[in-house]
C-alpha atoms as a PDB file:
ATOM      1  CA  UNK A   1    -110.004 -21.921 112.566  1.00  0.00           C
ATOM      2  CA  UNK A   2    -111.434 -18.957 110.753  1.00  0.00           C
ATOM      3  CA  UNK A   3    -115.036 -19.589 109.396  1.00  0.00           C
ATOM      4  CA  UNK A   4    -114.752 -18.192 105.846  1.00  0.00           C
ATOM      5  CA  UNK A   5    -118.628 -17.898 105.662  1.00  0.00           C
ATOM      6  CA  UNK A   6    -118.757 -15.137 108.312  1.00  0.00           C
ATOM      7  CA  UNK A   7    -115.415 -13.432 107.836  1.00  0.00           C
ATOM      8  CA  UNK A   8    -117.002 -10.336 106.442  1.00  0.00           C
ATOM      9  CA  UNK A   9    -120.307 -10.473 108.483  1.00  0.00           C
ATOM     10  CA  UNK A  10    -119.587  -7.335 110.587  1.00  0.00           C
ATOM     11  CA  UNK A  11    -118.345  -5.156 107.734  1.00  0.00           C
ATOM     12  CA  UNK A  12    -120.916  -2.687 106.289  1.00  0.00           C
ATOM     13  CA  UNK A  13    -120.912   0.312 103.816  1.00  0.00           C
ATOM     14  CA  UNK A  14    -119.729   2.467 106.668  1.00  0.00           C
ATOM     15  CA  UNK A  15    -116.641   0.580 107.147  1.00  0.00           C
ATOM     16  CA  UNK A  16    -115.949   0.614 103.386  1.00  0.00           C
ATOM     17  CA  UNK A  17    -116.433   4.327 103.090  1.00  0.00           C
ATOM     18  CA  UNK A  18    -114.046   4.841 106.128  1.00  0.00           C
ATOM     19  CA  UNK A  19    -111.461   2.930 104.303  1.00  0.00           C
ATOM     20  CA  UNK A  20    -112.000   4.846 101.098  1.00  0.00           C
ATOM     21  CA  UNK A  21    -111.496   8.161 102.900  1.00  0.00           C
ATOM     22  CA  UNK A  22    -108.473   7.060 104.676  1.00  0.00           C
ATOM     23  CA  UNK A  23    -106.959   6.010 101.208  1.00  0.00           C
ATOM     24  CA  UNK A  24    -108.074   9.342  99.492  1.00  0.00           C
ATOM     25  CA  UNK A  25    -107.131  11.780 102.453  1.00  0.00           C
ATOM     26  CA  UNK A  26    -103.755   9.909 103.137  1.00  0.00           C
ATOM     27  CA  UNK A  27    -104.343  10.348 106.962  1.00  0.00           C
ATOM     28  CA  UNK A  28    -106.707   9.494 109.701  1.00  0.00           C
ATOM     29  CA  UNK A  29    -107.190  13.262 110.543  1.00  0.00           C
ATOM     30  CA  UNK A  30    -108.183  14.128 107.205  1.00  0.00           C
ATOM     31  CA  UNK A  31    -110.453  11.194 106.702  1.00  0.00           C
ATOM     32  CA  UNK A  32    -112.160  11.753 110.192  1.00  0.00           C
ATOM     33  CA  UNK A  33    -112.942  15.361 109.071  1.00  0.00           C
ATOM     34  CA  UNK A  34    -114.249  14.235 105.736  1.00  0.00           C
ATOM     35  CA  UNK A  35    -116.557  11.655 107.549  1.00  0.00           C
ATOM     36  CA  UNK A  36    -117.551  14.163 110.264  1.00  0.00           C
ATOM     37  CA  UNK A  37    -116.455  11.828 113.075  1.00  0.00           C
ATOM     38  CA  UNK A  38    -113.600  12.027 115.602  1.00  0.00           C
ATOM     39  CA  UNK A  39    -110.099  10.570 114.777  1.00  0.00           C
ATOM     40  CA  UNK A  40    -110.278   8.096 117.660  1.00  0.00           C
ATOM     41  CA  UNK A  41    -113.658   6.696 116.596  1.00  0.00           C
ATOM     42  CA  UNK A  42    -112.281   6.227 112.991  1.00  0.00           C
ATOM     43  CA  UNK A  43    -109.149   4.544 114.430  1.00  0.00           C
ATOM     44  CA  UNK A  44    -111.172   2.144 116.532  1.00  0.00           C
ATOM     45  CA  UNK A  45    -113.515   1.389 113.433  1.00  0.00           C
ATOM     46  CA  UNK A  46    -110.388   0.529 111.317  1.00  0.00           C
ATOM     47  CA  UNK A  47    -108.792  -1.614 114.084  1.00  0.00           C
ATOM     48  CA  UNK A  48    -112.227  -3.507 114.330  1.00  0.00           C
ATOM     49  CA  UNK A  49    -112.074  -4.126 110.574  1.00  0.00           C
ATOM     50  CA  UNK A  50    -108.581  -5.496 110.797  1.00  0.00           C
ATOM     51  CA  UNK A  51    -109.388  -7.690 113.766  1.00  0.00           C
ATOM     52  CA  UNK A  52    -112.595  -8.978 111.805  1.00  0.00           C
ATOM     53  CA  UNK A  53    -110.426  -9.866 108.829  1.00  0.00           C
ATOM     54  CA  UNK A  54    -107.254 -10.923 110.609  1.00  0.00           C
ATOM     55  CA  UNK A  55    -105.302  -8.662 108.227  1.00  0.00           C
ATOM     56  CA  UNK A  56    -103.550  -5.276 108.255  1.00  0.00           C
ATOM     57  CA  UNK A  57    -105.485  -2.852 106.163  1.00  0.00           C
ATOM     58  CA  UNK A  58    -103.676   0.346 106.859  1.00  0.00           C
ATOM     59  CA  UNK A  59    -100.068   1.261 107.521  1.00  0.00           C
ATOM     60  CA  UNK A  60     -99.659   4.347 109.716  1.00  0.00           C
ATOM     61  CA  UNK A  61     -96.374   6.317 109.308  1.00  0.00           C
ATOM     62  CA  UNK A  62     -94.911   9.735 109.928  1.00  0.00           C
ATOM     63  CA  UNK A  63     -96.197  10.973 106.614  1.00  0.00           C
ATOM     64  CA  UNK A  64     -99.668   9.670 107.154  1.00  0.00           C
ATOM     65  CA  UNK A  65    -101.583   6.585 106.306  1.00  0.00           C
ATOM     66  CA  UNK A  66    -101.433   4.271 103.335  1.00  0.00           C
ATOM     67  CA  UNK A  67    -103.560   1.099 102.469  1.00  0.00           C
ATOM     68  CA  UNK A  68    -101.772  -2.173 102.480  1.00  0.00           C
ATOM     69  CA  UNK A  69    -102.269  -4.655  99.619  1.00  0.00           C
ATOM     70  CA  UNK A  70    -105.158  -6.149 101.675  1.00  0.00           C
ATOM     71  CA  UNK A  71    -106.614  -2.764 102.234  1.00  0.00           C
ATOM     72  CA  UNK A  72    -106.382  -1.949  98.541  1.00  0.00           C
ATOM     73  CA  UNK A  73    -108.210  -5.159  97.722  1.00  0.00           C
ATOM     74  CA  UNK A  74    -110.944  -4.577 100.039  1.00  0.00           C
ATOM     75  CA  UNK A  75    -111.355  -1.005  98.849  1.00  0.00           C
ATOM     76  CA  UNK A  76    -111.421  -2.104  95.132  1.00  0.00           C
ATOM     77  CA  UNK A  77    -114.598  -4.207  96.045  1.00  0.00           C
ATOM     78  CA  UNK A  78    -116.010  -1.384  98.130  1.00  0.00           C
ATOM     79  CA  UNK A  79    -115.891   0.926  95.066  1.00  0.00           C
ATOM     80  CA  UNK A  80    -117.619  -1.597  92.920  1.00  0.00           C
ATOM     81  CA  UNK A  81    -120.404  -1.807  95.665  1.00  0.00           C
ATOM     82  CA  UNK A  82    -120.773   1.992  95.792  1.00  0.00           C
ATOM     83  CA  UNK A  83    -121.070   2.221  91.961  1.00  0.00           C
ATOM     84  CA  UNK A  84    -123.693  -0.582  91.777  1.00  0.00           C
ATOM     85  CA  UNK A  85    -125.694   1.126  94.556  1.00  0.00           C
ATOM     86  CA  UNK A  86    -125.457   4.454  92.667  1.00  0.00           C
ATOM     87  CA  UNK A  87    -126.786   2.564  89.556  1.00  0.00           C
ATOM     88  CA  UNK A  88    -129.599   1.065  91.677  1.00  0.00           C
ATOM     89  CA  UNK A  89    -130.560   4.441  92.993  1.00  0.00           C
ATOM     90  CA  UNK A  90    -130.750   5.852  89.395  1.00  0.00           C
ATOM     91  CA  UNK A  91    -132.903   2.974  88.233  1.00  0.00           C
ATOM     92  CA  UNK A  92    -135.268   3.300  91.211  1.00  0.00           C
ATOM     93  CA  UNK A  93    -135.548   7.066  90.618  1.00  0.00           C
ATOM     94  CA  UNK A  94    -136.503   6.207  86.983  1.00  0.00           C
ATOM     95  CA  UNK A  95    -139.122   3.701  87.993  1.00  0.00           C
ATOM     96  CA  UNK A  96    -140.574   6.235  90.491  1.00  0.00           C
ATOM     97  CA  UNK A  97    -140.843   9.157  87.947  1.00  0.00           C
ATOM     98  CA  UNK A  98    -141.328   7.382  84.742  1.00  0.00           C
ATOM     99  CA  UNK A  99    -142.514   3.906  85.294  1.00  0.00           C
ATOM    100  CA  UNK A 100    -139.427   2.370  83.732  1.00  0.00           C
ATOM    101  CA  UNK A 101    -135.720   2.614  84.332  1.00  0.00           C
ATOM    102  CA  UNK A 102    -133.440   4.672  82.067  1.00  0.00           C
ATOM    103  CA  UNK A 103    -130.539   2.439  80.843  1.00  0.00           C
ATOM    104  CA  UNK A 104    -127.501   4.589  81.471  1.00  0.00           C
ATOM    105  CA  UNK A 105    -124.301   3.158  79.870  1.00  0.00           C
ATOM    106  CA  UNK A 106    -120.917   4.843  80.204  1.00  0.00           C
ATOM    107  CA  UNK A 107    -118.147   3.839  77.787  1.00  0.00           C
ATOM    108  CA  UNK A 108    -114.461   4.534  77.988  1.00  0.00           C
ATOM    109  CA  UNK A 109    -112.632   5.135  74.680  1.00  0.00           C
ATOM    110  CA  UNK A 110    -109.243   5.712  73.312  1.00  0.00           C
ATOM    111  CA  UNK A 111    -108.730   8.682  71.100  1.00  0.00           C
ATOM    112  CA  UNK A 112    -108.715   6.554  67.988  1.00  0.00           C
ATOM    113  CA  UNK A 113    -111.941   4.671  69.164  1.00  0.00           C
ATOM    114  CA  UNK A 114    -113.642   7.993  69.610  1.00  0.00           C
ATOM    115  CA  UNK A 115    -112.734   9.247  66.170  1.00  0.00           C
ATOM    116  CA  UNK A 116    -113.951   5.936  64.480  1.00  0.00           C
ATOM    117  CA  UNK A 117    -117.078   4.838  66.410  1.00  0.00           C
ATOM    118  CA  UNK A 118    -118.436   7.706  68.585  1.00  0.00           C
ATOM    119  CA  UNK A 119    -120.490   9.337  66.035  1.00  0.00           C
ATOM    120  CA  UNK A 120    -122.089   6.177  64.347  1.00  0.00           C
ATOM    121  CA  UNK A 121    -122.756   4.741  67.937  1.00  0.00           C
ATOM    122  CA  UNK A 122    -124.672   7.929  68.987  1.00  0.00           C
ATOM    123  CA  UNK A 123    -126.655   7.317  65.769  1.00  0.00           C
ATOM    124  CA  UNK A 124    -127.450   3.857  66.790  1.00  0.00           C
ATOM    125  CA  UNK A 125    -128.546   4.970  70.298  1.00  0.00           C
ATOM    126  CA  UNK A 126    -130.805   7.682  68.614  1.00  0.00           C
ATOM    127  CA  UNK A 127    -132.600   5.009  66.725  1.00  0.00           C
ATOM    128  CA  UNK A 128    -133.254   3.018  69.866  1.00  0.00           C
ATOM    129  CA  UNK A 129    -135.971   3.537  72.507  1.00  0.00           C
ATOM    130  CA  UNK A 130    -135.751   6.851  74.270  1.00  0.00           C
ATOM    131  CA  UNK A 131    -134.912   5.261  77.662  1.00  0.00           C
ATOM    132  CA  UNK A 132    -131.129   4.781  76.761  1.00  0.00           C
ATOM    133  CA  UNK A 133    -128.456   7.357  78.041  1.00  0.00           C
ATOM    134  CA  UNK A 134    -124.887   7.090  76.751  1.00  0.00           C
ATOM    135  CA  UNK A 135    -121.869   8.854  78.060  1.00  0.00           C
ATOM    136  CA  UNK A 136    -118.266   8.575  76.915  1.00  0.00           C
ATOM    137  CA  UNK A 137    -114.836   9.263  78.341  1.00  0.00           C
ATOM    138  CA  UNK A 138    -111.575   9.396  76.465  1.00  0.00           C
ATOM    139  CA  UNK A 139    -108.163   8.318  77.455  1.00  0.00           C
ATOM    140  CA  UNK A 140    -105.570   5.698  77.789  1.00  0.00           C
ATOM    141  CA  UNK A 141    -106.418   2.265  79.404  1.00  0.00           C
ATOM    142  CA  UNK A 142    -104.338   3.207  82.367  1.00  0.00           C
ATOM    143  CA  UNK A 143    -106.296   6.441  82.954  1.00  0.00           C
ATOM    144  CA  UNK A 144    -109.728   4.717  82.556  1.00  0.00           C
ATOM    145  CA  UNK A 145    -109.168   1.347  83.979  1.00  0.00           C
ATOM    146  CA  UNK A 146    -109.969   2.496  87.617  1.00  0.00           C
ATOM    147  CA  UNK A 147    -113.380   3.862  86.457  1.00  0.00           C
ATOM    148  CA  UNK A 148    -113.933   0.455  84.805  1.00  0.00           C
ATOM    149  CA  UNK A 149    -113.251  -1.645  87.797  1.00  0.00           C
ATOM    150  CA  UNK A 150    -115.108   0.464  89.990  1.00  0.00           C
ATOM    151  CA  UNK A 151    -118.319   0.251  87.979  1.00  0.00           C
ATOM    152  CA  UNK A 152    -118.382   3.798  86.590  1.00  0.00           C
ATOM    153  CA  UNK A 153    -117.584   2.522  83.102  1.00  0.00           C
ATOM    154  CA  UNK A 154    -119.525  -0.366  81.507  1.00  0.00           C
ATOM    155  CA  UNK A 155    -116.580  -1.283  79.267  1.00  0.00           C
ATOM    156  CA  UNK A 156    -113.498   0.213  77.440  1.00  0.00           C
ATOM    157  CA  UNK A 157    -112.774   0.378  73.662  1.00  0.00           C
ATOM    158  CA  UNK A 158    -109.012   0.818  72.827  1.00  0.00           C
ATOM    159  CA  UNK A 159    -105.526  -0.509  73.262  1.00  0.00           C
ATOM    160  CA  UNK A 160    -105.189  -3.292  75.776  1.00  0.00           C
ATOM    161  CA  UNK A 161    -103.227  -2.412  79.000  1.00  0.00           C
ATOM    162  CA  UNK A 162     -99.436  -1.979  78.714  1.00  0.00           C
ATOM    163  CA  UNK A 163     -98.998  -4.747  81.355  1.00  0.00           C
ATOM    164  CA  UNK A 164    -101.510  -7.542  82.161  1.00  0.00           C
ATOM    165  CA  UNK A 165    -105.203  -7.260  82.394  1.00  0.00           C
ATOM    166  CA  UNK A 166    -106.476  -6.524  86.062  1.00  0.00           C
ATOM    167  CA  UNK A 167    -108.140  -9.390  87.951  1.00  0.00           C
ATOM    168  CA  UNK A 168    -111.847  -9.338  87.444  1.00  0.00           C
ATOM    169  CA  UNK A 169    -111.471  -7.827  83.901  1.00  0.00           C
ATOM    170  CA  UNK A 170    -111.643  -9.575  80.503  1.00  0.00           C
ATOM    171  CA  UNK A 171    -110.331  -8.123  77.240  1.00  0.00           C
ATOM    172  CA  UNK A 172    -110.899  -9.425  73.632  1.00  0.00           C
ATOM    173  CA  UNK A 173    -109.473  -8.166  70.298  1.00  0.00           C
ATOM    174  CA  UNK A 174    -111.937  -6.473  67.830  1.00  0.00           C
ATOM    175  CA  UNK A 175    -109.616  -5.255  65.245  1.00  0.00           C
ATOM    176  CA  UNK A 176    -106.120  -4.062  64.438  1.00  0.00           C
ATOM    177  CA  UNK A 177    -105.228  -0.621  62.774  1.00  0.00           C
ATOM    178  CA  UNK A 178    -101.835   0.125  61.307  1.00  0.00           C
ATOM    179  CA  UNK A 179    -100.245   3.583  61.643  1.00  0.00           C
ATOM    180  CA  UNK A 180     -98.031   5.262  58.849  1.00  0.00           C
ATOM    181  CA  UNK A 181     -95.559   8.024  58.653  1.00  0.00           C
ATOM    182  CA  UNK A 182     -97.141  11.042  56.872  1.00  0.00           C
ATOM    183  CA  UNK A 183     -96.092  14.254  55.202  1.00  0.00           C
ATOM    184  CA  UNK A 184     -97.956  16.583  52.848  1.00  0.00           C
ATOM    185  CA  UNK A 185     -97.542  15.820  49.204  1.00  0.00           C
ATOM    186  CA  UNK A 186     -95.345  18.763  48.483  1.00  0.00           C
ATOM    187  CA  UNK A 187     -92.810  17.959  51.238  1.00  0.00           C
ATOM    188  CA  UNK A 188     -89.168  17.644  50.059  1.00  0.00           C
ATOM    189  CA  UNK A 189     -88.957  14.259  51.643  1.00  0.00           C
ATOM    190  CA  UNK A 190     -92.107  12.912  49.780  1.00  0.00           C
ATOM    191  CA  UNK A 191     -90.239  12.579  46.415  1.00  0.00           C
ATOM    192  CA  UNK A 192     -87.015  11.041  47.943  1.00  0.00           C
ATOM    193  CA  UNK A 193     -86.211   7.659  46.216  1.00  0.00           C
ATOM    194  CA  UNK A 194     -85.300   6.193  49.660  1.00  0.00           C
ATOM    195  CA  UNK A 195     -85.846   7.381  53.151  1.00  0.00           C
ATOM    196  CA  UNK A 196     -83.594   6.323  56.050  1.00  0.00           C
ATOM    197  CA  UNK A 197     -84.604   6.253  59.521  1.00  0.00           C
ATOM    198  CA  UNK A 198     -81.823   8.865  60.189  1.00  0.00           C
ATOM    199  CA  UNK A 199     -83.369  11.085  57.629  1.00  0.00           C
ATOM    200  CA  UNK A 200     -86.672  10.836  59.390  1.00  0.00           C
ATOM    201  CA  UNK A 201     -85.403  11.709  62.807  1.00  0.00           C
ATOM    202  CA  UNK A 202     -83.970  14.881  61.376  1.00  0.00           C
ATOM    203  CA  UNK A 203     -87.247  16.210  60.115  1.00  0.00           C
ATOM    204  CA  UNK A 204     -89.450  18.658  62.217  1.00  0.00           C
ATOM    205  CA  UNK A 205     -92.152  16.575  63.982  1.00  0.00           C
ATOM    206  CA  UNK A 206     -95.467  16.917  65.670  1.00  0.00           C
ATOM    207  CA  UNK A 207     -96.437  13.901  67.888  1.00  0.00           C
ATOM    208  CA  UNK A 208     -98.852  13.088  70.579  1.00  0.00           C
ATOM    209  CA  UNK A 209     -97.961  14.283  74.055  1.00  0.00           C
ATOM    210  CA  UNK A 210     -95.320  12.363  75.910  1.00  0.00           C
ATOM    211  CA  UNK A 211     -96.587   9.512  78.068  1.00  0.00           C
ATOM    212  CA  UNK A 212     -99.656   8.833  75.905  1.00  0.00           C
ATOM    213  CA  UNK A 213    -100.019   5.288  74.446  1.00  0.00           C
ATOM    214  CA  UNK A 214     -99.563   6.557  70.993  1.00  0.00           C
ATOM    215  CA  UNK A 215     -96.393   8.382  71.838  1.00  0.00           C
ATOM    216  CA  UNK A 216     -95.033   5.321  73.663  1.00  0.00           C
ATOM    217  CA  UNK A 217     -95.871   3.225  70.561  1.00  0.00           C
ATOM    218  CA  UNK A 218     -94.153   5.495  68.140  1.00  0.00           C
ATOM    219  CA  UNK A 219     -90.959   5.938  70.409  1.00  0.00           C
ATOM    220  CA  UNK A 220     -90.642   2.212  70.540  1.00  0.00           C
ATOM    221  CA  UNK A 221     -91.001   1.962  66.842  1.00  0.00           C
ATOM    222  CA  UNK A 222     -87.815   4.074  66.417  1.00  0.00           C
ATOM    223  CA  UNK A 223     -85.904   2.413  69.400  1.00  0.00           C
ATOM    224  CA  UNK A 224     -86.631  -1.056  67.697  1.00  0.00           C
ATOM    225  CA  UNK A 225     -84.623   0.121  64.750  1.00  0.00           C
ATOM    226  CA  UNK A 226     -81.745   1.313  66.942  1.00  0.00           C
ATOM    227  CA  UNK A 227     -82.553   4.974  66.490  1.00  0.00           C
ATOM    228  CA  UNK A 228     -83.408   7.549  69.181  1.00  0.00           C
ATOM    229  CA  UNK A 229     -86.906   8.881  68.808  1.00  0.00           C
ATOM    230  CA  UNK A 230     -87.206  12.288  67.191  1.00  0.00           C
ATOM    231  CA  UNK A 231     -87.575  15.250  69.495  1.00  0.00           C
ATOM    232  CA  UNK A 232     -90.896  16.892  68.304  1.00  0.00           C
ATOM    233  CA  UNK A 233     -91.383  20.627  67.843  1.00  0.00           C
ATOM    234  CA  UNK A 234     -95.006  20.267  68.724  1.00  0.00           C
ATOM    235  CA  UNK A 235     -96.580  17.855  71.180  1.00  0.00           C
ATOM    236  CA  UNK A 236    -100.554  17.736  71.266  1.00  0.00           C
ATOM    237  CA  UNK A 237    -103.319  15.461  72.282  1.00  0.00           C
ATOM    238  CA  UNK A 238    -103.502  12.281  70.173  1.00  0.00           C
ATOM    239  CA  UNK A 239    -105.492  12.781  66.989  1.00  0.00           C
ATOM    240  CA  UNK A 240    -105.840  16.529  67.830  1.00  0.00           C
ATOM    241  CA  UNK A 241    -107.352  18.437  64.780  1.00  0.00           C
ATOM    242  CA  UNK A 242    -104.326  20.820  64.661  1.00  0.00           C
ATOM    243  CA  UNK A 243    -102.012  17.830  63.493  1.00  0.00           C
ATOM    244  CA  UNK A 244    -103.905  17.705  60.212  1.00  0.00           C
ATOM    245  CA  UNK A 245    -104.034  21.360  59.804  1.00  0.00           C
ATOM    246  CA  UNK A 246    -100.348  21.729  60.436  1.00  0.00           C
ATOM    247  CA  UNK A 247     -99.398  18.791  58.343  1.00  0.00           C
ATOM    248  CA  UNK A 248    -101.067  20.222  55.240  1.00  0.00           C
ATOM    249  CA  UNK A 249     -99.736  23.757  55.763  1.00  0.00           C
ATOM    250  CA  UNK A 250     -96.038  23.076  56.637  1.00  0.00           C
ATOM    251  CA  UNK A 251     -93.176  20.574  56.260  1.00  0.00           C
ATOM    252  CA  UNK A 252     -93.976  18.779  59.548  1.00  0.00           C
ATOM    253  CA  UNK A 253     -93.883  15.119  59.632  1.00  0.00           C
ATOM    254  CA  UNK A 254     -96.071  12.844  62.017  1.00  0.00           C
ATOM    255  CA  UNK A 255     -97.332   9.306  62.511  1.00  0.00           C
ATOM    256  CA  UNK A 256    -101.133   8.598  62.535  1.00  0.00           C
ATOM    257  CA  UNK A 257    -103.369   5.683  62.305  1.00  0.00           C
ATOM    258  CA  UNK A 258    -103.765   5.033  58.416  1.00  0.00           C
ATOM    259  CA  UNK A 259    -107.604   5.076  58.789  1.00  0.00           C
ATOM    260  CA  UNK A 260    -107.549   8.549  60.097  1.00  0.00           C
ATOM    261  CA  UNK A 261    -105.566   9.949  57.189  1.00  0.00           C
ATOM    262  CA  UNK A 262    -107.063   7.781  54.555  1.00  0.00           C
ATOM    263  CA  UNK A 263    -109.303  10.441  52.909  1.00  0.00           C
ATOM    264  CA  UNK A 264    -106.384  12.870  52.699  1.00  0.00           C
ATOM    265  CA  UNK A 265    -104.100  10.357  51.172  1.00  0.00           C
ATOM    266  CA  UNK A 266    -106.620   9.227  48.571  1.00  0.00           C
ATOM    267  CA  UNK A 267    -107.195  12.881  47.723  1.00  0.00           C
ATOM    268  CA  UNK A 268    -103.403  13.330  47.047  1.00  0.00           C
ATOM    269  CA  UNK A 269    -103.117  15.929  49.989  1.00  0.00           C
ATOM    270  CA  UNK A 270    -100.891  13.674  52.153  1.00  0.00           C
ATOM    271  CA  UNK A 271     -98.273  11.037  51.204  1.00  0.00           C
ATOM    272  CA  UNK A 272     -97.486   7.859  53.257  1.00  0.00           C
ATOM    273  CA  UNK A 273     -93.722   7.313  53.474  1.00  0.00           C
ATOM    274  CA  UNK A 274     -92.804   3.662  52.694  1.00  0.00           C
ATOM    275  CA  UNK A 275     -91.441   1.479  55.442  1.00  0.00           C
ATOM    276  CA  UNK A 276     -91.453  -2.247  55.641  1.00  0.00           C
ATOM    277  CA  UNK A 277     -92.406  -2.532  59.302  1.00  0.00           C
ATOM    278  CA  UNK A 278     -95.800  -1.555  60.315  1.00  0.00           C
ATOM    279  CA  UNK A 279     -96.954   0.066  63.604  1.00  0.00           C
ATOM    280  CA  UNK A 280    -100.118  -1.685  64.824  1.00  0.00           C
ATOM    281  CA  UNK A 281    -102.835  -0.432  67.187  1.00  0.00           C
ATOM    282  CA  UNK A 282    -104.892  -3.291  68.432  1.00  0.00           C
ATOM    283  CA  UNK A 283    -108.471  -2.380  69.365  1.00  0.00           C
ATOM    284  CA  UNK A 284    -109.750  -4.315  72.203  1.00  0.00           C
ATOM    285  CA  UNK A 285    -112.953  -4.377  74.101  1.00  0.00           C
ATOM    286  CA  UNK A 286    -112.310  -4.615  77.817  1.00  0.00           C
ATOM    287  CA  UNK A 287    -115.019  -5.170  80.417  1.00  0.00           C
ATOM    288  CA  UNK A 288    -115.637  -6.050  84.048  1.00  0.00           C
ATOM    289  CA  UNK A 289    -116.524  -9.839  84.779  1.00  0.00           C
ATOM    290  CA  UNK A 290    -118.807  -8.824  87.633  1.00  0.00           C
ATOM    291  CA  UNK A 291    -121.538  -6.438  88.438  1.00  0.00           C
ATOM    292  CA  UNK A 292    -124.946  -5.636  86.657  1.00  0.00           C
ATOM    293  CA  UNK A 293    -124.885  -4.991  83.039  1.00  0.00           C
ATOM    294  CA  UNK A 294    -127.734  -3.169  81.130  1.00  0.00           C
ATOM    295  CA  UNK A 295    -129.356  -5.228  78.323  1.00  0.00           C
ATOM    296  CA  UNK A 296    -128.451  -2.451  75.877  1.00  0.00           C
ATOM    297  CA  UNK A 297    -124.921  -3.044  76.449  1.00  0.00           C
ATOM    298  CA  UNK A 298    -124.784  -6.355  74.490  1.00  0.00           C
ATOM    299  CA  UNK A 299    -126.316  -4.574  71.558  1.00  0.00           C
ATOM    300  CA  UNK A 300    -123.662  -1.735  71.831  1.00  0.00           C
ATOM    301  CA  UNK A 301    -120.805  -4.138  71.887  1.00  0.00           C
ATOM    302  CA  UNK A 302    -121.944  -5.933  68.782  1.00  0.00           C
ATOM    303  CA  UNK A 303    -122.179  -2.541  66.943  1.00  0.00           C
ATOM    304  CA  UNK A 304    -118.947  -1.452  68.169  1.00  0.00           C
ATOM    305  CA  UNK A 305    -117.233  -4.641  66.892  1.00  0.00           C
ATOM    306  CA  UNK A 306    -118.884  -4.305  63.545  1.00  0.00           C
ATOM    307  CA  UNK A 307    -117.867  -0.685  63.197  1.00  0.00           C
ATOM    308  CA  UNK A 308    -114.124  -1.423  64.175  1.00  0.00           C
ATOM    309  CA  UNK A 309    -113.856  -4.253  61.585  1.00  0.00           C
ATOM    310  CA  UNK A 310    -115.476  -2.137  58.899  1.00  0.00           C
ATOM    311  CA  UNK A 311    -112.826   0.664  59.566  1.00  0.00           C
ATOM    312  CA  UNK A 312    -110.001  -1.856  59.841  1.00  0.00           C
ATOM    313  CA  UNK A 313    -110.891  -3.131  56.410  1.00  0.00           C
ATOM    314  CA  UNK A 314    -110.977   0.270  54.673  1.00  0.00           C
ATOM    315  CA  UNK A 315    -107.490   0.988  55.918  1.00  0.00           C
ATOM    316  CA  UNK A 316    -106.021  -2.423  54.851  1.00  0.00           C
ATOM    317  CA  UNK A 317    -106.103  -1.235  51.251  1.00  0.00           C
ATOM    318  CA  UNK A 318    -104.163   2.090  52.018  1.00  0.00           C
ATOM    319  CA  UNK A 319    -101.428   0.384  53.889  1.00  0.00           C
ATOM    320  CA  UNK A 320    -101.381  -2.841  51.710  1.00  0.00           C
END
């Protein structure tokens, strides 16, 4: 019978980093070169890990090497350990050089979250003690989740995952933001008594790049009405400044979160085309359930939730 208390007793950081290199290089030869050891030594080390755990960690094949499900699970925890060790190193250096540790917080944000909360959040950090360092990364949940799970990001602010939340991660809703179809006030379709979906599809569109969460959301909006999504003339990064510029200067059509276009709509520069159905972007805060958390993180989470709810309240009047 396997003693569960000692199943990992012979594994150390060296083994976990060897496993990481095999995964990243896709072969024992490449991993051995990256680690500056011989290929037979690396193979023996991986076999010893597999014998210790009683599980196959690496599948060898004609095209190289790939981690099994067990190997991927072990690597996930290995990356978390690496990230926490890197954080510990930064803290210790801060203690040695300054007498107190810098609180370094890295946050992942969706494009909408960055547009709404990044600037006021930076102002909050500026008003705090000078020992805080804040870094942000922008993207979809799917592109940022690996950094969250490995400990490189403290938490994510944006839409939840397209599928289920990963093990060891929790997610809660902060606010919801409706999106609207927009044209410039002088667009020919802006004065139409009624706009059908077929009319809308035939317009000239500028939309977020294919594969991004906003674009997937918009495409599903049309599909839910039995209409093929429009083929845009222009595809750009979500919330790119060029969207607003072209929208005001041409007869392009787009969909944007209402809160982003609120000022232009109230100023009479842009018009919202009326549709009964709403496109909703939920804003979640997603974070790891394990690992060290800076004390400042709790304060930032409270401020982020306040900012999201404040913006959501302002856009409700526009879409309502």
